[in-house]
Amino acid sequence: MAYKFVNKTSVVEGTSVYVGSRVVGNDLTITLPEVTAVTVDVDGLMGTVSVPLLHRLEDMELSISKEGLDANSAILTSPGRKEITAKWAYDSIDSAGNVSVKGGKAIMSVMPKTVSPGVDIEPGETSEGDLTFGVLVYRLYLDGALVLFVNRLTGTIQALDEKGRLTDYSSSYKNLL
């Protein structure tokens, strides 16, 4: 098989975080949820095999690092379910060396894990806190296309297959119930 160049992504140019339609932060550090299947150990002929259960996921968590305490911190961490949208712009380099700016977006239904972040307040220093959220629904878009959809409440997981098509990996499971 011949070597094929794959577009490279590099520097994130900037980020924005929204609660509903309200901007609550720019240039924040965002850690998107990791989607991890629970594994079970099965004894095989040559030892133990860890098998991932796609329809049983570990906790998904969103983390946002934010400087200082302000009204936007209070909006982010107010109790109850909310929709948080994280957007970012990043560079993409093609095989000819052309650089273009592309966008990513994650839309998440979340519940804050803390009502107020633990922030060190020290004279002459910038205070920063990590805000953490439990994620119920997660939609990930890259360059305008939906590439991942997880709804923990309905047991739905859709992701790109090896041909680059969005595939529902939960329908066969749900049809049996």
Protein backbone atom coordinates (compact mmCIF):
# COMPACT_ATOMS: atom_id res chain seq x y z
CA MET A 1 0.00 0.00 0.00
CA ALA A 2 1.35 3.39 -0.98
CA TYR A 3 1.99 6.09 1.56
CA LYS A 4 -0.90 8.54 1.76
CA PHE A 5 -0.64 11.97 3.32
CA VAL A 6 -3.34 12.75 5.87
CA ASN A 7 -4.16 16.36 6.64
CA LYS A 8 -2.53 17.51 9.86
CA THR A 9 -4.18 19.55 12.56
CA SER A 10 -2.02 21.76 14.67
CA VAL A 11 -2.50 24.81 16.80
CA VAL A 12 -5.80 25.68 18.42
CA GLU A 13 -6.28 29.36 17.66
CA GLY A 14 -8.98 30.09 20.25
CA THR A 15 -11.95 28.76 22.19
CA SER A 16 -15.39 29.98 23.26
CA VAL A 17 -17.77 28.47 25.80
CA TYR A 18 -21.52 29.09 25.82
CA VAL A 19 -24.31 28.23 28.24
CA GLY A 20 -27.36 28.19 26.01
CA SER A 21 -26.76 31.18 23.72
CA ARG A 22 -24.75 33.21 26.27
CA VAL A 23 -20.96 33.43 25.92
CA VAL A 24 -19.43 32.69 29.34
CA GLY A 25 -15.77 32.53 28.38
CA ASN A 26 -13.17 32.90 25.66
CA ASP A 27 -9.76 31.27 25.37
CA LEU A 28 -10.54 28.82 28.18
CA THR A 29 -8.88 25.44 28.52
CA ILE A 30 -11.48 22.76 27.77
CA THR A 31 -11.09 19.04 28.35
CA LEU A 32 -13.75 17.25 26.33
CA PRO A 33 -15.34 14.05 27.65
CA GLU A 34 -13.61 10.76 27.09
CA VAL A 35 -16.00 8.03 25.94
CA THR A 36 -14.73 4.83 27.53
CA ALA A 37 -16.48 1.47 27.44
CA VAL A 38 -16.67 -0.57 30.62
CA THR A 39 -14.62 -3.77 30.22
CA VAL A 40 -15.21 -7.26 31.55
CA ASP A 41 -12.61 -9.98 31.83
CA VAL A 42 -13.35 -13.22 29.97
CA ASP A 43 -11.20 -16.32 30.37
CA GLY A 44 -9.87 -17.52 27.04
CA LEU A 45 -7.70 -20.47 26.05
CA MET A 46 -4.57 -18.34 26.28
CA GLY A 47 -5.53 -16.31 29.35
CA THR A 48 -7.78 -13.44 30.26
CA VAL A 49 -9.21 -11.15 27.59
CA SER A 50 -10.64 -7.73 28.49
CA VAL A 51 -13.74 -7.18 26.36
CA PRO A 52 -15.15 -3.63 26.02
CA LEU A 53 -18.93 -3.36 26.43
CA LEU A 54 -19.87 -0.56 24.03
CA HIS A 55 -23.32 -0.14 25.59
CA ARG A 56 -21.95 0.30 29.12
CA LEU A 57 -19.92 3.48 29.41
CA GLU A 58 -17.83 4.85 32.22
CA ASP A 59 -18.68 8.30 33.56
CA MET A 60 -18.19 11.08 31.00
CA GLU A 61 -16.84 14.35 32.32
CA LEU A 62 -16.30 17.83 30.88
CA SER A 63 -13.68 20.04 32.50
CA ILE A 64 -13.25 23.78 31.95
CA SER A 65 -10.38 25.76 33.47
CA LYS A 66 -11.37 29.35 34.12
CA GLU A 67 -9.50 32.28 35.64
CA GLY A 68 -11.14 34.09 38.53
CA LEU A 69 -14.59 33.97 40.02
CA ASP A 70 -17.28 36.03 38.29
CA ALA A 71 -20.93 35.89 37.28
CA ASN A 72 -20.06 33.57 34.38
CA SER A 73 -18.51 31.08 36.84
CA ALA A 74 -21.76 31.17 38.81
CA ILE A 75 -23.81 30.61 35.63
CA LEU A 76 -21.65 27.64 34.64
CA THR A 77 -21.88 25.96 38.03
CA SER A 78 -25.48 26.77 38.97
CA PRO A 79 -27.30 23.57 39.96
CA GLY A 80 -29.34 21.67 37.40
CA ARG A 81 -29.06 20.49 33.82
CA LYS A 82 -27.74 22.92 31.22
CA GLU A 83 -26.48 22.89 27.66
CA ILE A 84 -22.84 23.87 27.24
CA THR A 85 -21.35 24.46 23.81
CA ALA A 86 -17.59 24.57 23.39
CA LYS A 87 -16.23 25.93 20.10
CA TRP A 88 -12.66 26.11 18.90
CA ALA A 89 -10.76 27.14 15.78
CA TYR A 90 -7.74 25.13 14.68
CA ASP A 91 -5.23 25.06 11.84
CA SER A 92 -5.31 22.27 9.26
CA ILE A 93 -2.38 21.64 6.89
CA ASP A 94 -2.90 19.73 3.62
CA SER A 95 -0.35 17.77 1.55
CA ALA A 96 0.59 20.88 -0.46
CA GLY A 97 1.41 22.79 2.72
CA ASN A 98 -1.69 24.98 2.57
CA VAL A 99 -2.95 26.06 5.97
CA SER A 100 -6.65 26.64 6.54
CA VAL A 101 -8.58 27.40 9.70
CA LYS A 102 -11.28 24.89 10.61
CA GLY A 103 -13.72 24.69 13.45
CA GLY A 104 -14.70 22.19 16.09
CA LYS A 105 -17.78 22.24 18.28
CA ALA A 106 -19.02 20.10 21.14
CA ILE A 107 -22.60 20.45 22.37
CA MET A 108 -23.19 18.78 25.71
CA SER A 109 -26.09 18.40 28.11
CA VAL A 110 -24.40 18.51 31.50
CA MET A 111 -24.90 18.75 35.23
CA PRO A 112 -22.27 20.55 37.32
CA LYS A 113 -20.40 18.35 39.77
CA THR A 114 -19.53 21.35 41.95
CA VAL A 115 -21.63 24.41 42.74
CA SER A 116 -18.53 26.54 43.31
CA PRO A 117 -15.02 25.78 42.09
CA GLY A 118 -12.19 25.48 44.57
CA VAL A 119 -10.08 28.53 43.79
CA ASP A 120 -6.94 29.71 45.56
CA ILE A 121 -7.18 33.46 46.10
CA GLU A 122 -3.73 34.93 46.70
CA PRO A 123 -2.62 38.58 46.47
CA GLY A 124 -0.60 39.27 43.32
CA GLU A 125 -1.58 35.95 41.74
CA THR A 126 -4.18 35.00 39.16
CA SER A 127 -6.80 32.68 40.57
CA GLU A 128 -7.90 29.75 38.45
CA GLY A 129 -10.39 26.99 39.03
CA ASP A 130 -11.43 23.81 37.28
CA LEU A 131 -15.15 23.42 36.69
CA THR A 132 -16.27 19.81 36.22
CA PHE A 133 -19.51 18.54 34.76
CA GLY A 134 -21.15 15.15 34.36
CA VAL A 135 -22.09 14.71 30.69
CA LEU A 136 -25.45 13.19 29.76
CA VAL A 137 -25.54 13.93 26.02
CA TYR A 138 -22.48 14.63 23.85
CA ARG A 139 -22.38 15.78 20.21
CA LEU A 140 -18.98 16.34 18.58
CA TYR A 141 -18.69 18.24 15.28
CA LEU A 142 -15.46 18.65 13.31
CA ASP A 143 -15.35 21.01 10.35
CA GLY A 144 -19.16 21.24 10.42
CA ALA A 145 -19.85 17.47 10.35
CA LEU A 146 -21.24 15.40 13.23
CA VAL A 147 -18.61 12.73 14.03
CA LEU A 148 -19.82 11.43 17.42
CA PHE A 149 -23.16 11.36 19.25
CA VAL A 150 -23.62 9.76 22.67
CA ASN A 151 -26.84 9.93 24.68
CA ARG A 152 -26.35 8.11 27.97
CA LEU A 153 -30.03 8.43 28.88
CA THR A 154 -31.32 6.65 25.74
CA GLY A 155 -28.34 4.33 25.27
CA THR A 156 -27.50 5.80 21.87
CA ILE A 157 -23.98 5.86 20.43
CA GLN A 158 -23.22 6.95 16.88
CA ALA A 159 -19.70 7.30 15.53
CA LEU A 160 -17.84 7.30 12.23
CA ASP A 161 -17.19 3.84 10.82
CA GLU A 162 -14.12 2.79 8.80
CA LYS A 163 -15.69 4.32 5.65
CA GLY A 164 -16.25 7.69 7.33
CA ARG A 165 -20.03 7.28 7.65
CA LEU A 166 -21.91 8.09 10.84
CA THR A 167 -23.12 4.70 12.09
CA ASP A 168 -25.58 3.86 14.87
CA TYR A 169 -23.85 1.26 17.04
CA SER A 170 -26.78 1.04 19.45
CA SER A 171 -29.69 0.08 17.18
CA SER A 172 -28.95 -3.66 17.05
CA TYR A 173 -28.59 -3.75 20.82
CA LYS A 174 -31.83 -1.82 21.42
CA ASN A 175 -33.79 -3.90 18.90
CA LEU A 176 -33.17 -7.00 21.01
CA LEU A 177 -34.75 -5.50 24.13
